[in-house]
């Protein structure tokens, strides 16, 4: 399961950036940074096949959200995610921080997919994140 989560995290953004290993500093943090695809749009690739199922069958459609709503939520959720990463909480799920600039215009597709990644992690692993709206949290 840890490998699956690692693949999910590594593929959150099309390019995974981590600090180059330095023998003098073994504790350097890994970090995910968003990047643009060939069309110049921000892209998010998730390899986990259950994510596609979640996106198509469980997640609310993109039309239910505004870009500003998603940006506000993602700003909070990324901060929460990075806080968990820094503290070592949920090590079996969170293995890297996320570099997300709330001033950048990523576009609604990217914002939606990033938000749904947080909702997916909640749905699949039960990771409670305070930034998710009540209707996007795990239903039992």
C-alpha atoms as a PDB file:
ATOM      1  CA  UNK A   1       0.000   0.000   0.000  1.00  0.00           C
ATOM      2  CA  UNK A   2       2.879   2.354   0.768  1.00  0.00           C
ATOM      3  CA  UNK A   3       4.193   1.902  -2.761  1.00  0.00           C
ATOM      4  CA  UNK A   4       0.770   2.728  -4.191  1.00  0.00           C
ATOM      5  CA  UNK A   5       0.600   5.894  -2.126  1.00  0.00           C
ATOM      6  CA  UNK A   6       4.106   6.785  -3.199  1.00  0.00           C
ATOM      7  CA  UNK A   7       3.069   6.403  -6.852  1.00  0.00           C
ATOM      8  CA  UNK A   8       0.040   8.605  -6.210  1.00  0.00           C
ATOM      9  CA  UNK A   9       2.128  11.285  -4.582  1.00  0.00           C
ATOM     10  CA  UNK A  10       4.884  11.070  -7.164  1.00  0.00           C
ATOM     11  CA  UNK A  11       2.395  11.458  -9.950  1.00  0.00           C
ATOM     12  CA  UNK A  12       0.380  14.322  -8.457  1.00  0.00           C
ATOM     13  CA  UNK A  13       2.208  16.627 -10.758  1.00  0.00           C
ATOM     14  CA  UNK A  14       3.646  15.659 -14.115  1.00  0.00           C
ATOM     15  CA  UNK A  15       7.184  16.294 -12.945  1.00  0.00           C
ATOM     16  CA  UNK A  16       8.328  15.193  -9.522  1.00  0.00           C
ATOM     17  CA  UNK A  17      11.049  17.407  -8.149  1.00  0.00           C
ATOM     18  CA  UNK A  18      13.126  16.473  -5.196  1.00  0.00           C
ATOM     19  CA  UNK A  19      16.276  17.890  -3.724  1.00  0.00           C
ATOM     20  CA  UNK A  20      19.364  16.258  -5.145  1.00  0.00           C
ATOM     21  CA  UNK A  21      20.999  13.932  -2.704  1.00  0.00           C
ATOM     22  CA  UNK A  22      23.836  15.483  -0.826  1.00  0.00           C
ATOM     23  CA  UNK A  23      25.992  13.193   1.282  1.00  0.00           C
ATOM     24  CA  UNK A  24      26.555  16.024   3.754  1.00  0.00           C
ATOM     25  CA  UNK A  25      22.829  16.509   4.370  1.00  0.00           C
ATOM     26  CA  UNK A  26      20.872  13.248   4.452  1.00  0.00           C
ATOM     27  CA  UNK A  27      17.690  14.913   5.807  1.00  0.00           C
ATOM     28  CA  UNK A  28      16.815  17.062   2.796  1.00  0.00           C
ATOM     29  CA  UNK A  29      13.079  17.164   2.167  1.00  0.00           C
ATOM     30  CA  UNK A  30      11.448  15.956  -1.014  1.00  0.00           C
ATOM     31  CA  UNK A  31       8.999  18.330  -2.633  1.00  0.00           C
ATOM     32  CA  UNK A  32       6.467  18.128  -5.448  1.00  0.00           C
ATOM     33  CA  UNK A  33       6.296  21.099  -7.781  1.00  0.00           C
ATOM     34  CA  UNK A  34       3.631  21.677 -10.417  1.00  0.00           C
ATOM     35  CA  UNK A  35       4.679  22.018 -14.032  1.00  0.00           C
ATOM     36  CA  UNK A  36       3.088  22.838 -17.355  1.00  0.00           C
ATOM     37  CA  UNK A  37       2.348  20.324 -20.088  1.00  0.00           C
ATOM     38  CA  UNK A  38       3.250  20.749 -23.771  1.00  0.00           C
ATOM     39  CA  UNK A  39       0.163  22.929 -24.320  1.00  0.00           C
ATOM     40  CA  UNK A  40       1.274  25.370 -21.626  1.00  0.00           C
ATOM     41  CA  UNK A  41      -1.514  24.321 -19.237  1.00  0.00           C
ATOM     42  CA  UNK A  42      -0.941  23.135 -15.698  1.00  0.00           C
ATOM     43  CA  UNK A  43      -1.369  19.389 -15.586  1.00  0.00           C
ATOM     44  CA  UNK A  44      -1.872  16.780 -12.921  1.00  0.00           C
ATOM     45  CA  UNK A  45      -1.366  13.087 -13.571  1.00  0.00           C
ATOM     46  CA  UNK A  46      -2.487  10.464 -11.073  1.00  0.00           C
ATOM     47  CA  UNK A  47      -1.429   6.921 -11.882  1.00  0.00           C
ATOM     48  CA  UNK A  48      -3.637   5.092  -9.363  1.00  0.00           C
ATOM     49  CA  UNK A  49      -6.459   3.456 -11.356  1.00  0.00           C
ATOM     50  CA  UNK A  50      -8.840   3.792  -8.417  1.00  0.00           C
ATOM     51  CA  UNK A  51      -8.444   7.553  -8.697  1.00  0.00           C
ATOM     52  CA  UNK A  52     -10.112   7.461 -12.121  1.00  0.00           C
ATOM     53  CA  UNK A  53     -12.986   5.451 -10.633  1.00  0.00           C
ATOM     54  CA  UNK A  54     -13.221   7.945  -7.759  1.00  0.00           C
ATOM     55  CA  UNK A  55     -13.203  10.906 -10.144  1.00  0.00           C
ATOM     56  CA  UNK A  56     -15.919   9.414 -12.372  1.00  0.00           C
ATOM     57  CA  UNK A  57     -18.175   7.682  -9.842  1.00  0.00           C
ATOM     58  CA  UNK A  58     -17.686   9.249  -6.412  1.00  0.00           C
ATOM     59  CA  UNK A  59     -16.405  12.818  -6.766  1.00  0.00           C
ATOM     60  CA  UNK A  60     -18.755  15.697  -7.438  1.00  0.00           C
ATOM     61  CA  UNK A  61     -18.517  17.004 -11.026  1.00  0.00           C
ATOM     62  CA  UNK A  62     -16.317  19.990 -11.797  1.00  0.00           C
ATOM     63  CA  UNK A  63     -19.430  22.064 -12.505  1.00  0.00           C
ATOM     64  CA  UNK A  64     -20.253  21.991  -8.779  1.00  0.00           C
ATOM     65  CA  UNK A  65     -17.237  24.180  -7.971  1.00  0.00           C
ATOM     66  CA  UNK A  66     -15.913  27.591  -8.867  1.00  0.00           C
ATOM     67  CA  UNK A  67     -12.226  28.138  -9.506  1.00  0.00           C
ATOM     68  CA  UNK A  68     -11.957  30.600  -6.602  1.00  0.00           C
ATOM     69  CA  UNK A  69     -13.586  28.098  -4.218  1.00  0.00           C
ATOM     70  CA  UNK A  70     -11.158  25.373  -5.271  1.00  0.00           C
ATOM     71  CA  UNK A  71      -8.161  27.707  -5.040  1.00  0.00           C
ATOM     72  CA  UNK A  72      -9.148  28.722  -1.492  1.00  0.00           C
ATOM     73  CA  UNK A  73      -9.645  25.103  -0.441  1.00  0.00           C
ATOM     74  CA  UNK A  74      -6.433  23.924  -2.122  1.00  0.00           C
ATOM     75  CA  UNK A  75      -4.448  26.692  -0.418  1.00  0.00           C
ATOM     76  CA  UNK A  76      -5.685  25.482   2.942  1.00  0.00           C
ATOM     77  CA  UNK A  77      -5.352  21.776   2.096  1.00  0.00           C
ATOM     78  CA  UNK A  78      -1.792  22.111   0.775  1.00  0.00           C
ATOM     79  CA  UNK A  79      -0.840  23.945   3.969  1.00  0.00           C
ATOM     80  CA  UNK A  80      -2.437  21.191   6.027  1.00  0.00           C
ATOM     81  CA  UNK A  81      -0.760  18.477   3.906  1.00  0.00           C
ATOM     82  CA  UNK A  82       2.661  20.134   4.251  1.00  0.00           C
ATOM     83  CA  UNK A  83       2.119  20.492   7.992  1.00  0.00           C
ATOM     84  CA  UNK A  84       1.418  16.764   8.260  1.00  0.00           C
ATOM     85  CA  UNK A  85       4.508  16.075   6.169  1.00  0.00           C
ATOM     86  CA  UNK A  86       6.748  18.315   8.305  1.00  0.00           C
ATOM     87  CA  UNK A  87       5.522  16.782  11.543  1.00  0.00           C
ATOM     88  CA  UNK A  88       5.853  13.224  10.254  1.00  0.00           C
ATOM     89  CA  UNK A  89       2.167  12.591  10.815  1.00  0.00           C
ATOM     90  CA  UNK A  90       0.582  10.048   8.439  1.00  0.00           C
ATOM     91  CA  UNK A  91       3.993   8.889   7.189  1.00  0.00           C
ATOM     92  CA  UNK A  92       2.376   5.888   5.525  1.00  0.00           C
ATOM     93  CA  UNK A  93       0.369   8.235   3.264  1.00  0.00           C
ATOM     94  CA  UNK A  94       2.261  11.546   3.006  1.00  0.00           C
ATOM     95  CA  UNK A  95       5.823  11.129   1.769  1.00  0.00           C
ATOM     96  CA  UNK A  96       6.565  14.553   0.299  1.00  0.00           C
ATOM     97  CA  UNK A  97       5.520  18.161   0.568  1.00  0.00           C
ATOM     98  CA  UNK A  98       3.646  20.025  -2.167  1.00  0.00           C
ATOM     99  CA  UNK A  99       4.934  23.258  -3.687  1.00  0.00           C
ATOM    100  CA  UNK A 100       1.757  25.198  -4.469  1.00  0.00           C
ATOM    101  CA  UNK A 101       1.653  28.947  -5.103  1.00  0.00           C
ATOM    102  CA  UNK A 102      -1.817  30.394  -4.390  1.00  0.00           C
ATOM    103  CA  UNK A 103      -0.925  33.465  -6.475  1.00  0.00           C
ATOM    104  CA  UNK A 104      -0.411  31.331  -9.600  1.00  0.00           C
ATOM    105  CA  UNK A 105      -3.337  30.866 -12.008  1.00  0.00           C
ATOM    106  CA  UNK A 106      -3.390  27.095 -12.448  1.00  0.00           C
ATOM    107  CA  UNK A 107      -6.838  26.921 -14.032  1.00  0.00           C
ATOM    108  CA  UNK A 108     -10.006  25.208 -12.896  1.00  0.00           C
ATOM    109  CA  UNK A 109      -9.085  21.751 -14.255  1.00  0.00           C
ATOM    110  CA  UNK A 110      -5.863  21.653 -12.270  1.00  0.00           C
ATOM    111  CA  UNK A 111      -7.492  23.104  -9.126  1.00  0.00           C
ATOM    112  CA  UNK A 112     -10.340  20.576  -9.390  1.00  0.00           C
ATOM    113  CA  UNK A 113      -8.058  17.604  -9.845  1.00  0.00           C
ATOM    114  CA  UNK A 114      -5.771  18.671  -6.987  1.00  0.00           C
ATOM    115  CA  UNK A 115      -8.780  19.111  -4.700  1.00  0.00           C
ATOM    116  CA  UNK A 116     -10.057  15.685  -5.705  1.00  0.00           C
ATOM    117  CA  UNK A 117      -6.670  14.162  -4.855  1.00  0.00           C
ATOM    118  CA  UNK A 118      -7.194  15.314  -1.259  1.00  0.00           C
ATOM    119  CA  UNK A 119     -10.770  14.001  -1.319  1.00  0.00           C
ATOM    120  CA  UNK A 120      -9.492  10.712  -2.771  1.00  0.00           C
ATOM    121  CA  UNK A 121      -6.878  10.281  -0.034  1.00  0.00           C
ATOM    122  CA  UNK A 122      -9.671  10.853   2.487  1.00  0.00           C
ATOM    123  CA  UNK A 123     -11.950   8.389   0.693  1.00  0.00           C
ATOM    124  CA  UNK A 124      -9.360   5.654   0.206  1.00  0.00           C
ATOM    125  CA  UNK A 125      -7.189   5.950   3.321  1.00  0.00           C
ATOM    126  CA  UNK A 126      -9.504   7.738   5.743  1.00  0.00           C
ATOM    127  CA  UNK A 127      -7.059  10.631   6.148  1.00  0.00           C
ATOM    128  CA  UNK A 128      -9.057  13.405   7.776  1.00  0.00           C
ATOM    129  CA  UNK A 129      -8.260  16.832   6.388  1.00  0.00           C
ATOM    130  CA  UNK A 130      -9.989  19.864   7.850  1.00  0.00           C
ATOM    131  CA  UNK A 131      -9.887  21.739   4.532  1.00  0.00           C
ATOM    132  CA  UNK A 132     -12.295  19.355   2.801  1.00  0.00           C
ATOM    133  CA  UNK A 133     -15.912  20.411   2.745  1.00  0.00           C
ATOM    134  CA  UNK A 134     -18.330  18.147   4.572  1.00  0.00           C
ATOM    135  CA  UNK A 135     -19.873  16.831   1.388  1.00  0.00           C
ATOM    136  CA  UNK A 136     -16.466  15.762   0.034  1.00  0.00           C
ATOM    137  CA  UNK A 137     -15.393  13.726   3.035  1.00  0.00           C
ATOM    138  CA  UNK A 138     -15.658   9.982   3.354  1.00  0.00           C
ATOM    139  CA  UNK A 139     -19.201   8.652   3.500  1.00  0.00           C
ATOM    140  CA  UNK A 140     -19.763   5.597   5.715  1.00  0.00           C
END
